[in-house]
Amino acid sequence: MAAAPGGTKVLATTRGIDVQPAGSTSWQAATLNGPAPAGGFGFAGMTTDAQGVALPANPAAGTVWFTFDGGETWTPTRLS
């Protein structure tokens, strides 16, 4: 689990990523631009209010996921 400076929280789960926007009291599933990695996510962190990174639970998945909209949407990038 991670919190952005402005209060948004993100949670890495075995099924995806959940987000609780700043000021909200409820969690919602974030949009993943692609299928969630097998085993879900092992880490999610926010570096600013808008930007964050998530790592699959299995490093062999070969991707890093990024958000640029406060954790609402996540997009994978393949590692070479």
Protein backbone atom coordinates (compact mmCIF):
# COMPACT_ATOMS: atom_id res chain seq x y z
CA MET A 1 0.00 0.00 0.00
CA ALA A 2 1.18 3.52 -0.78
CA ALA A 3 -0.10 7.05 -0.38
CA ALA A 4 0.50 9.97 -2.71
CA PRO A 5 1.48 13.31 -1.14
CA GLY A 6 -2.05 14.65 -1.75
CA GLY A 7 -3.77 11.73 0.04
CA THR A 8 -4.69 9.26 -2.71
CA LYS A 9 -3.96 5.68 -1.63
CA VAL A 10 -3.12 2.72 -3.89
CA LEU A 11 -3.08 -0.94 -2.94
CA ALA A 12 -1.32 -3.74 -4.85
CA THR A 13 -3.38 -6.94 -4.72
CA THR A 14 -3.26 -10.45 -6.14
CA ARG A 15 -5.99 -9.46 -8.62
CA GLY A 16 -5.01 -5.92 -9.60
CA ILE A 17 -4.63 -2.45 -8.11
CA ASP A 18 -7.18 -0.69 -5.95
CA VAL A 19 -7.29 3.07 -5.48
CA GLN A 20 -8.88 5.35 -2.89
CA PRO A 21 -8.86 8.90 -4.27
CA ALA A 22 -8.00 11.72 -1.86
CA GLY A 23 -11.06 12.71 0.16
CA SER A 24 -12.92 9.49 -0.65
CA THR A 25 -13.86 6.84 1.89
CA SER A 26 -14.28 3.98 -0.58
CA TRP A 27 -11.89 1.87 -2.62
CA GLN A 28 -12.35 1.17 -6.32
CA ALA A 29 -10.57 -1.06 -8.80
CA ALA A 30 -8.09 0.86 -10.94
CA THR A 31 -8.26 0.48 -14.72
CA LEU A 32 -5.49 -1.72 -16.12
CA ASN A 33 -4.53 -1.17 -19.75
CA GLY A 34 -3.94 -4.86 -20.30
CA PRO A 35 -4.48 -8.04 -18.32
CA ALA A 36 -3.18 -8.13 -14.77
CA PRO A 37 0.00 -10.16 -14.42
CA ALA A 38 -0.36 -13.72 -13.16
CA GLY A 39 -0.25 -13.55 -9.37
CA GLY A 40 -1.16 -9.86 -9.37
CA PHE A 41 1.05 -7.11 -8.02
CA GLY A 42 3.61 -7.19 -5.23
CA PHE A 43 4.32 -3.45 -5.00
CA ALA A 44 2.66 -0.16 -5.83
CA GLY A 45 4.10 3.23 -5.01
CA MET A 46 3.24 6.85 -5.75
CA THR A 47 6.08 9.30 -6.40
CA THR A 48 3.85 12.38 -6.87
CA ASP A 49 0.10 13.01 -6.70
CA ALA A 50 -0.18 11.94 -10.36
CA GLN A 51 2.66 9.49 -11.00
CA GLY A 52 3.31 6.04 -9.65
CA VAL A 53 4.80 2.65 -10.39
CA ALA A 54 3.68 -0.93 -9.73
CA LEU A 55 5.60 -4.18 -9.99
CA PRO A 56 4.17 -7.64 -10.64
CA ALA A 57 4.38 -10.14 -7.79
CA ASN A 58 6.40 -12.36 -10.15
CA PRO A 59 9.44 -10.48 -11.50
CA ALA A 60 9.57 -12.89 -14.46
CA ALA A 61 6.51 -11.06 -15.85
CA GLY A 62 8.99 -8.59 -17.34
CA THR A 63 6.86 -5.48 -16.96
CA VAL A 64 6.68 -2.31 -14.90
CA TRP A 65 3.30 -0.60 -14.67
CA PHE A 66 2.97 3.20 -14.61
CA THR A 67 0.20 5.63 -13.73
CA PHE A 68 0.11 9.29 -14.66
CA ASP A 69 -3.42 10.09 -13.45
CA GLY A 70 -3.23 9.55 -9.70
CA GLY A 71 -3.58 5.77 -9.75
CA GLU A 72 -6.84 5.62 -11.69
CA THR A 73 -5.28 3.97 -14.78
CA TRP A 74 -2.15 1.78 -15.04
CA THR A 75 -0.23 0.89 -18.22
CA PRO A 76 2.44 -1.83 -18.53
CA THR A 77 5.86 -1.25 -20.08
CA ARG A 78 7.92 -4.29 -21.10
CA LEU A 79 11.47 -4.51 -19.85
CA SER A 80 14.10 -5.46 -22.41
